[in-house]
């Protein structure tokens, strides 16, 4: 049985800048990753209702295993605030973060993580493990999961379905060339 979220999803009072608003922004960034042939994950870092960092997955194009959407947004946020401590910020990401990204969130001291789709295989915000709320960590991050989960999950499913179809077509073409 998957662990329960530490806090249930609730919209903020300002309908223009609620969790869904920012998650839709992250979904738009995820589309940029898709357009570049990357796994479609997007992230947006918000401070005082303003974007201070954006990112989308780019490890393939950048030849950088750390170029996850979350890392890219955190790096940009640090430059904007001129501080590696990103206090009182909220990171919105379309997929539950991995261990690496969760560790970066702890070190940067973000206040809140809001994510869309759960990641049962590598999620480190409660699905596979809970790095962000581990009692041994020197900072715990407030976690809100499941915001626009169906939209976020569908984007990933559609991408991987397309990739499988492409691979199948490539195999068929290679087989046809061999005949």
C-alpha atoms as a PDB file:
ATOM      1  CA  UNK A   1       0.000   0.000   0.000  1.00  0.00           C
ATOM      2  CA  UNK A   2       1.500   3.382  -0.982  1.00  0.00           C
ATOM      3  CA  UNK A   3       2.253   5.781   1.864  1.00  0.00           C
ATOM      4  CA  UNK A   4      -0.203   8.600   2.450  1.00  0.00           C
ATOM      5  CA  UNK A   5       0.726  12.144   1.498  1.00  0.00           C
ATOM      6  CA  UNK A   6       1.666  14.379   4.393  1.00  0.00           C
ATOM      7  CA  UNK A   7      -0.918  16.913   3.315  1.00  0.00           C
ATOM      8  CA  UNK A   8      -3.891  16.647   1.049  1.00  0.00           C
ATOM      9  CA  UNK A   9      -4.101  18.754  -2.071  1.00  0.00           C
ATOM     10  CA  UNK A  10      -6.025  21.974  -1.557  1.00  0.00           C
ATOM     11  CA  UNK A  11      -6.322  24.928  -3.901  1.00  0.00           C
ATOM     12  CA  UNK A  12      -4.992  28.252  -2.686  1.00  0.00           C
ATOM     13  CA  UNK A  13      -7.464  31.090  -2.225  1.00  0.00           C
ATOM     14  CA  UNK A  14      -6.238  33.124  -5.229  1.00  0.00           C
ATOM     15  CA  UNK A  15      -7.714  31.269  -8.225  1.00  0.00           C
ATOM     16  CA  UNK A  16      -5.239  32.927 -10.596  1.00  0.00           C
ATOM     17  CA  UNK A  17      -2.182  31.588  -8.773  1.00  0.00           C
ATOM     18  CA  UNK A  18      -3.250  28.354  -7.120  1.00  0.00           C
ATOM     19  CA  UNK A  19      -1.458  25.006  -7.237  1.00  0.00           C
ATOM     20  CA  UNK A  20      -3.237  24.055 -10.464  1.00  0.00           C
ATOM     21  CA  UNK A  21      -2.173  27.304 -12.127  1.00  0.00           C
ATOM     22  CA  UNK A  22       1.509  26.649 -11.385  1.00  0.00           C
ATOM     23  CA  UNK A  23       1.232  22.958 -12.259  1.00  0.00           C
ATOM     24  CA  UNK A  24      -0.174  23.904 -15.659  1.00  0.00           C
ATOM     25  CA  UNK A  25       2.885  26.102 -16.085  1.00  0.00           C
ATOM     26  CA  UNK A  26       5.067  23.080 -15.240  1.00  0.00           C
ATOM     27  CA  UNK A  27       3.113  20.982 -17.763  1.00  0.00           C
ATOM     28  CA  UNK A  28       3.907  23.570 -20.449  1.00  0.00           C
ATOM     29  CA  UNK A  29       7.593  23.206 -19.572  1.00  0.00           C
ATOM     30  CA  UNK A  30       7.238  19.411 -19.737  1.00  0.00           C
ATOM     31  CA  UNK A  31       6.053  19.840 -23.322  1.00  0.00           C
ATOM     32  CA  UNK A  32       9.347  21.565 -24.114  1.00  0.00           C
ATOM     33  CA  UNK A  33      11.164  18.448 -22.892  1.00  0.00           C
ATOM     34  CA  UNK A  34       8.946  16.271 -25.121  1.00  0.00           C
ATOM     35  CA  UNK A  35       9.637  18.542 -28.098  1.00  0.00           C
ATOM     36  CA  UNK A  36      13.372  18.025 -27.491  1.00  0.00           C
ATOM     37  CA  UNK A  37      12.977  14.234 -27.297  1.00  0.00           C
ATOM     38  CA  UNK A  38      13.382  14.149 -23.518  1.00  0.00           C
ATOM     39  CA  UNK A  39      11.101  12.553 -20.923  1.00  0.00           C
ATOM     40  CA  UNK A  40       8.390  15.201 -20.423  1.00  0.00           C
ATOM     41  CA  UNK A  41       8.932  16.492 -16.913  1.00  0.00           C
ATOM     42  CA  UNK A  42       8.654  20.185 -16.118  1.00  0.00           C
ATOM     43  CA  UNK A  43       9.353  22.206 -12.994  1.00  0.00           C
ATOM     44  CA  UNK A  44       8.728  25.781 -11.902  1.00  0.00           C
ATOM     45  CA  UNK A  45      10.123  27.419  -8.746  1.00  0.00           C
ATOM     46  CA  UNK A  46       7.926  30.110  -7.226  1.00  0.00           C
ATOM     47  CA  UNK A  47       8.766  32.725  -4.595  1.00  0.00           C
ATOM     48  CA  UNK A  48       6.199  35.316  -3.480  1.00  0.00           C
ATOM     49  CA  UNK A  49       3.884  34.282  -6.340  1.00  0.00           C
ATOM     50  CA  UNK A  50       6.585  34.935  -8.953  1.00  0.00           C
ATOM     51  CA  UNK A  51       8.552  32.505 -11.085  1.00  0.00           C
ATOM     52  CA  UNK A  52      12.228  32.523 -10.146  1.00  0.00           C
ATOM     53  CA  UNK A  53      13.221  29.276 -11.856  1.00  0.00           C
ATOM     54  CA  UNK A  54      12.050  27.019 -14.653  1.00  0.00           C
ATOM     55  CA  UNK A  55      13.278  23.715 -15.931  1.00  0.00           C
ATOM     56  CA  UNK A  56      12.465  20.763 -18.110  1.00  0.00           C
ATOM     57  CA  UNK A  57      14.291  17.489 -18.501  1.00  0.00           C
ATOM     58  CA  UNK A  58      17.434  17.833 -20.629  1.00  0.00           C
ATOM     59  CA  UNK A  59      19.891  15.086 -19.651  1.00  0.00           C
ATOM     60  CA  UNK A  60      20.086  13.606 -23.164  1.00  0.00           C
ATOM     61  CA  UNK A  61      20.597  16.865 -25.054  1.00  0.00           C
ATOM     62  CA  UNK A  62      23.007  18.283 -22.497  1.00  0.00           C
ATOM     63  CA  UNK A  63      24.859  14.999 -21.950  1.00  0.00           C
ATOM     64  CA  UNK A  64      24.320  15.655 -18.249  1.00  0.00           C
ATOM     65  CA  UNK A  65      22.742  13.065 -15.940  1.00  0.00           C
ATOM     66  CA  UNK A  66      21.897  15.838 -13.452  1.00  0.00           C
ATOM     67  CA  UNK A  67      19.911  17.940 -15.954  1.00  0.00           C
ATOM     68  CA  UNK A  68      16.536  17.009 -14.476  1.00  0.00           C
ATOM     69  CA  UNK A  69      13.761  19.599 -14.565  1.00  0.00           C
ATOM     70  CA  UNK A  70      13.943  20.168 -10.808  1.00  0.00           C
ATOM     71  CA  UNK A  71      17.707  20.720 -10.787  1.00  0.00           C
ATOM     72  CA  UNK A  72      17.464  23.183 -13.665  1.00  0.00           C
ATOM     73  CA  UNK A  73      14.749  25.188 -11.842  1.00  0.00           C
ATOM     74  CA  UNK A  74      16.674  25.154  -8.541  1.00  0.00           C
ATOM     75  CA  UNK A  75      19.865  26.345 -10.258  1.00  0.00           C
ATOM     76  CA  UNK A  76      18.012  29.216 -11.910  1.00  0.00           C
ATOM     77  CA  UNK A  77      16.320  30.121  -8.620  1.00  0.00           C
ATOM     78  CA  UNK A  78      19.669  30.285  -6.852  1.00  0.00           C
ATOM     79  CA  UNK A  79      20.965  32.697  -9.482  1.00  0.00           C
ATOM     80  CA  UNK A  80      17.854  34.885  -9.218  1.00  0.00           C
ATOM     81  CA  UNK A  81      17.971  35.035  -5.403  1.00  0.00           C
ATOM     82  CA  UNK A  82      21.782  35.109  -5.365  1.00  0.00           C
ATOM     83  CA  UNK A  83      21.680  32.432  -2.682  1.00  0.00           C
ATOM     84  CA  UNK A  84      21.884  28.654  -2.618  1.00  0.00           C
ATOM     85  CA  UNK A  85      19.263  28.670   0.128  1.00  0.00           C
ATOM     86  CA  UNK A  86      15.877  28.933  -1.509  1.00  0.00           C
ATOM     87  CA  UNK A  87      13.903  29.662   1.637  1.00  0.00           C
ATOM     88  CA  UNK A  88      10.133  30.150   1.417  1.00  0.00           C
ATOM     89  CA  UNK A  89       9.949  28.855  -2.156  1.00  0.00           C
ATOM     90  CA  UNK A  90       7.590  26.313  -3.679  1.00  0.00           C
ATOM     91  CA  UNK A  91       8.718  23.924  -6.391  1.00  0.00           C
ATOM     92  CA  UNK A  92       6.041  22.597  -8.737  1.00  0.00           C
ATOM     93  CA  UNK A  93       7.012  19.509 -10.719  1.00  0.00           C
ATOM     94  CA  UNK A  94       4.946  17.236 -12.942  1.00  0.00           C
ATOM     95  CA  UNK A  95       6.511  13.993 -11.636  1.00  0.00           C
ATOM     96  CA  UNK A  96       7.477  12.970  -8.120  1.00  0.00           C
ATOM     97  CA  UNK A  97      11.199  13.740  -7.741  1.00  0.00           C
ATOM     98  CA  UNK A  98      13.983  11.172  -7.662  1.00  0.00           C
ATOM     99  CA  UNK A  99      16.556  10.807  -4.864  1.00  0.00           C
ATOM    100  CA  UNK A 100      19.012  13.229  -6.485  1.00  0.00           C
ATOM    101  CA  UNK A 101      16.424  15.967  -6.948  1.00  0.00           C
ATOM    102  CA  UNK A 102      14.947  15.405  -3.492  1.00  0.00           C
ATOM    103  CA  UNK A 103      18.413  15.731  -1.967  1.00  0.00           C
ATOM    104  CA  UNK A 104      18.933  19.008  -3.807  1.00  0.00           C
ATOM    105  CA  UNK A 105      15.619  20.255  -2.416  1.00  0.00           C
ATOM    106  CA  UNK A 106      16.704  19.437   1.130  1.00  0.00           C
ATOM    107  CA  UNK A 107      20.072  21.168   0.637  1.00  0.00           C
ATOM    108  CA  UNK A 108      18.449  24.234  -0.939  1.00  0.00           C
ATOM    109  CA  UNK A 109      15.898  24.414   1.890  1.00  0.00           C
ATOM    110  CA  UNK A 110      12.825  24.892  -0.275  1.00  0.00           C
ATOM    111  CA  UNK A 111       9.658  25.205   1.761  1.00  0.00           C
ATOM    112  CA  UNK A 112       7.199  23.162  -0.267  1.00  0.00           C
ATOM    113  CA  UNK A 113       7.199  20.641  -3.085  1.00  0.00           C
ATOM    114  CA  UNK A 114       4.019  20.248  -5.121  1.00  0.00           C
ATOM    115  CA  UNK A 115       4.038  17.403  -7.618  1.00  0.00           C
ATOM    116  CA  UNK A 116       1.593  15.839 -10.032  1.00  0.00           C
ATOM    117  CA  UNK A 117       2.152  12.169 -10.872  1.00  0.00           C
ATOM    118  CA  UNK A 118       3.535   9.643  -8.410  1.00  0.00           C
ATOM    119  CA  UNK A 119       6.617   7.663  -9.421  1.00  0.00           C
ATOM    120  CA  UNK A 120       6.432   4.195  -7.909  1.00  0.00           C
ATOM    121  CA  UNK A 121       9.821   3.166  -9.347  1.00  0.00           C
ATOM    122  CA  UNK A 122      12.060   6.077  -8.355  1.00  0.00           C
ATOM    123  CA  UNK A 123       9.919   8.544  -6.393  1.00  0.00           C
ATOM    124  CA  UNK A 124      11.688   9.893  -3.315  1.00  0.00           C
ATOM    125  CA  UNK A 125       8.842  11.993  -1.912  1.00  0.00           C
ATOM    126  CA  UNK A 126       6.889   9.098  -0.477  1.00  0.00           C
ATOM    127  CA  UNK A 127       6.333   6.486  -3.194  1.00  0.00           C
ATOM    128  CA  UNK A 128       9.549   4.445  -3.164  1.00  0.00           C
ATOM    129  CA  UNK A 129      11.133   6.279  -0.238  1.00  0.00           C
ATOM    130  CA  UNK A 130      10.725   9.567   1.604  1.00  0.00           C
ATOM    131  CA  UNK A 131      13.882  11.655   1.483  1.00  0.00           C
ATOM    132  CA  UNK A 132      12.024  14.944   1.963  1.00  0.00           C
ATOM    133  CA  UNK A 133      10.410  13.985   5.243  1.00  0.00           C
ATOM    134  CA  UNK A 134      13.096  11.713   6.662  1.00  0.00           C
ATOM    135  CA  UNK A 135      13.542  12.492  10.370  1.00  0.00           C
ATOM    136  CA  UNK A 136      17.326  12.218  10.064  1.00  0.00           C
ATOM    137  CA  UNK A 137      17.538  15.081   7.584  1.00  0.00           C
ATOM    138  CA  UNK A 138      18.435  18.560   8.807  1.00  0.00           C
ATOM    139  CA  UNK A 139      15.513  20.016   6.814  1.00  0.00           C
ATOM    140  CA  UNK A 140      12.119  18.594   5.952  1.00  0.00           C
ATOM    141  CA  UNK A 141      10.168  19.784   2.942  1.00  0.00           C
ATOM    142  CA  UNK A 142       6.392  20.101   3.024  1.00  0.00           C
ATOM    143  CA  UNK A 143       4.991  17.826   0.300  1.00  0.00           C
ATOM    144  CA  UNK A 144       1.720  18.129  -1.583  1.00  0.00           C
ATOM    145  CA  UNK A 145       1.161  15.389  -4.137  1.00  0.00           C
ATOM    146  CA  UNK A 146      -1.456  14.636  -6.737  1.00  0.00           C
ATOM    147  CA  UNK A 147      -2.049  18.094  -8.219  1.00  0.00           C
ATOM    148  CA  UNK A 148      -3.334  17.544 -11.780  1.00  0.00           C
ATOM    149  CA  UNK A 149      -2.073  13.981 -11.366  1.00  0.00           C
ATOM    150  CA  UNK A 150      -4.128  12.609 -14.249  1.00  0.00           C
ATOM    151  CA  UNK A 151      -2.874  15.261 -16.679  1.00  0.00           C
ATOM    152  CA  UNK A 152       0.727  14.779 -15.569  1.00  0.00           C
ATOM    153  CA  UNK A 153       0.499  10.991 -15.719  1.00  0.00           C
ATOM    154  CA  UNK A 154      -1.210  11.061 -19.120  1.00  0.00           C
ATOM    155  CA  UNK A 155       1.567  13.236 -20.559  1.00  0.00           C
ATOM    156  CA  UNK A 156       4.177  10.690 -19.470  1.00  0.00           C
ATOM    157  CA  UNK A 157       2.111   7.698 -20.645  1.00  0.00           C
ATOM    158  CA  UNK A 158       1.519   9.300 -24.045  1.00  0.00           C
ATOM    159  CA  UNK A 159       5.240  10.004 -24.424  1.00  0.00           C
ATOM    160  CA  UNK A 160       6.316   6.460 -23.611  1.00  0.00           C
ATOM    161  CA  UNK A 161       3.565   5.023 -25.832  1.00  0.00           C
ATOM    162  CA  UNK A 162       4.898   7.147 -28.699  1.00  0.00           C
ATOM    163  CA  UNK A 163       8.475   6.017 -27.967  1.00  0.00           C
ATOM    164  CA  UNK A 164       7.428   2.340 -28.017  1.00  0.00           C
ATOM    165  CA  UNK A 165       5.650   2.884 -31.353  1.00  0.00           C
ATOM    166  CA  UNK A 166       8.758   4.565 -32.768  1.00  0.00           C
ATOM    167  CA  UNK A 167      10.957   1.661 -31.654  1.00  0.00           C
ATOM    168  CA  UNK A 168       8.519  -0.833 -33.137  1.00  0.00           C
ATOM    169  CA  UNK A 169       8.518   1.059 -36.425  1.00  0.00           C
ATOM    170  CA  UNK A 170      12.345   1.202 -36.461  1.00  0.00           C
ATOM    171  CA  UNK A 171      12.551  -2.564 -35.917  1.00  0.00           C
ATOM    172  CA  UNK A 172      10.071  -3.140 -38.734  1.00  0.00           C
ATOM    173  CA  UNK A 173      12.058  -0.899 -41.073  1.00  0.00           C
ATOM    174  CA  UNK A 174      15.319  -2.688 -40.224  1.00  0.00           C
ATOM    175  CA  UNK A 175      13.668  -6.025 -40.805  1.00  0.00           C
ATOM    176  CA  UNK A 176      12.290  -4.840 -44.157  1.00  0.00           C
ATOM    177  CA  UNK A 177      15.769  -3.657 -45.206  1.00  0.00           C
ATOM    178  CA  UNK A 178      17.197  -7.064 -44.313  1.00  0.00           C
ATOM    179  CA  UNK A 179      14.701  -8.943 -46.497  1.00  0.00           C
END
